[in-house]
Amino acid sequence: MSLRQNLQDELAREADSGTNFTPEERILLSNILRLREVRVDDVMIPRADIDSVEDSVPLARLM
C-alpha cells in the first residue's frame, strides 16, 4: 500500500474517531492530497499579468 493510500485511509478513519490529527492538520493534509488533481494551467498566472517591484521598496510604500 502506498503512503498516499495509507494517509487517505487514516484521514477517513480519523473522521470517525477524531484522535490523531487536529482539524487544521486534517484540512491541510486533505488539500495536499487533492493537489494531484490540479493542473499547472489551473493556477499559473501569465507573465504579462505579473507586476514586479524592486526588493528594496518598503512594504508600506506598496500599500
C-alpha atoms as a PDB file:
ATOM      1  CA  MET A   1       0.000   0.000   0.000  1.00  0.00           C
ATOM      2  CA  SER A   2       1.320   3.450  -0.891  1.00  0.00           C
ATOM      3  CA  LEU A   3       1.953   6.290   1.526  1.00  0.00           C
ATOM      4  CA  ARG A   4      -0.826   8.228  -0.209  1.00  0.00           C
ATOM      5  CA  GLN A   5      -3.299   5.403   0.331  1.00  0.00           C
ATOM      6  CA  ASN A   6      -2.215   4.961   3.954  1.00  0.00           C
ATOM      7  CA  LEU A   7      -2.747   8.657   4.611  1.00  0.00           C
ATOM      8  CA  GLN A   8      -6.126   8.668   2.863  1.00  0.00           C
ATOM      9  CA  ASP A   9      -7.206   5.661   4.926  1.00  0.00           C
ATOM     10  CA  GLU A  10      -6.006   7.283   8.148  1.00  0.00           C
ATOM     11  CA  LEU A  11      -7.829  10.527   7.346  1.00  0.00           C
ATOM     12  CA  ALA A  12     -11.027   8.584   6.596  1.00  0.00           C
ATOM     13  CA  ARG A  13     -10.679   6.622   9.832  1.00  0.00           C
ATOM     14  CA  GLU A  14      -9.824   9.810  11.676  1.00  0.00           C
ATOM     15  CA  ALA A  15     -13.062  11.454  10.569  1.00  0.00           C
ATOM     16  CA  ASP A  16     -14.964   8.968  12.727  1.00  0.00           C
ATOM     17  CA  SER A  17     -12.711   8.719  15.778  1.00  0.00           C
ATOM     18  CA  GLY A  18     -11.032  12.141  15.949  1.00  0.00           C
ATOM     19  CA  THR A  19      -7.835  11.071  17.705  1.00  0.00           C
ATOM     20  CA  ASN A  20      -4.616  11.646  15.743  1.00  0.00           C
ATOM     21  CA  PHE A  21      -4.910  14.844  13.699  1.00  0.00           C
ATOM     22  CA  THR A  22      -6.195  18.268  14.642  1.00  0.00           C
ATOM     23  CA  PRO A  23      -8.939  19.664  12.394  1.00  0.00           C
ATOM     24  CA  GLU A  24      -6.400  22.053  10.849  1.00  0.00           C
ATOM     25  CA  GLU A  25      -3.998  19.184  10.099  1.00  0.00           C
ATOM     26  CA  ARG A  26      -6.810  17.163   8.532  1.00  0.00           C
ATOM     27  CA  ILE A  27      -7.720  20.067   6.226  1.00  0.00           C
ATOM     28  CA  LEU A  28      -4.089  20.672   5.282  1.00  0.00           C
ATOM     29  CA  LEU A  29      -3.388  17.008   4.519  1.00  0.00           C
ATOM     30  CA  SER A  30      -6.617  16.594   2.565  1.00  0.00           C
ATOM     31  CA  ASN A  31      -5.803  19.659   0.473  1.00  0.00           C
ATOM     32  CA  ILE A  32      -2.283  18.372  -0.190  1.00  0.00           C
ATOM     33  CA  LEU A  33      -3.659  15.051  -1.403  1.00  0.00           C
ATOM     34  CA  ARG A  34      -6.047  16.884  -3.741  1.00  0.00           C
ATOM     35  CA  LEU A  35      -3.149  18.742  -5.392  1.00  0.00           C
ATOM     36  CA  ARG A  36      -2.713  15.695  -7.590  1.00  0.00           C
ATOM     37  CA  GLU A  37      -5.930  16.709  -9.355  1.00  0.00           C
ATOM     38  CA  VAL A  38      -4.779  20.284 -10.064  1.00  0.00           C
ATOM     39  CA  ARG A  39      -3.043  21.153 -13.317  1.00  0.00           C
ATOM     40  CA  VAL A  40      -0.422  23.872 -13.629  1.00  0.00           C
ATOM     41  CA  ASP A  41      -2.632  25.645 -16.163  1.00  0.00           C
ATOM     42  CA  ASP A  42      -5.306  25.962 -13.472  1.00  0.00           C
ATOM     43  CA  VAL A  43      -3.117  28.008 -11.130  1.00  0.00           C
ATOM     44  CA  MET A  44      -0.449  29.721 -13.200  1.00  0.00           C
ATOM     45  CA  ILE A  45      -0.505  33.469 -13.825  1.00  0.00           C
ATOM     46  CA  PRO A  46       0.605  34.726 -17.244  1.00  0.00           C
ATOM     47  CA  ARG A  47       3.835  36.704 -17.061  1.00  0.00           C
ATOM     48  CA  ALA A  48       2.128  39.705 -18.687  1.00  0.00           C
ATOM     49  CA  ASP A  49      -0.253  39.891 -15.707  1.00  0.00           C
ATOM     50  CA  ILE A  50       2.506  39.979 -13.081  1.00  0.00           C
ATOM     51  CA  ASP A  51       3.636  43.305 -11.637  1.00  0.00           C
ATOM     52  CA  SER A  52       7.086  43.470 -10.092  1.00  0.00           C
ATOM     53  CA  VAL A  53       8.917  45.885  -7.809  1.00  0.00           C
ATOM     54  CA  GLU A  54      12.459  46.277  -6.592  1.00  0.00           C
ATOM     55  CA  ASP A  55      13.139  44.220  -3.498  1.00  0.00           C
ATOM     56  CA  SER A  56      14.394  47.368  -1.765  1.00  0.00           C
ATOM     57  CA  VAL A  57      10.953  49.060  -1.880  1.00  0.00           C
ATOM     58  CA  PRO A  58       9.414  49.170   1.612  1.00  0.00           C
ATOM     59  CA  LEU A  59       6.172  47.255   2.051  1.00  0.00           C
ATOM     60  CA  ALA A  60       4.441  50.386   3.391  1.00  0.00           C
ATOM     61  CA  ARG A  61       5.138  52.158   0.086  1.00  0.00           C
ATOM     62  CA  LEU A  62       3.487  49.351  -1.864  1.00  0.00           C
ATOM     63  CA  MET A  63       0.320  49.593   0.168  1.00  0.00           C
END
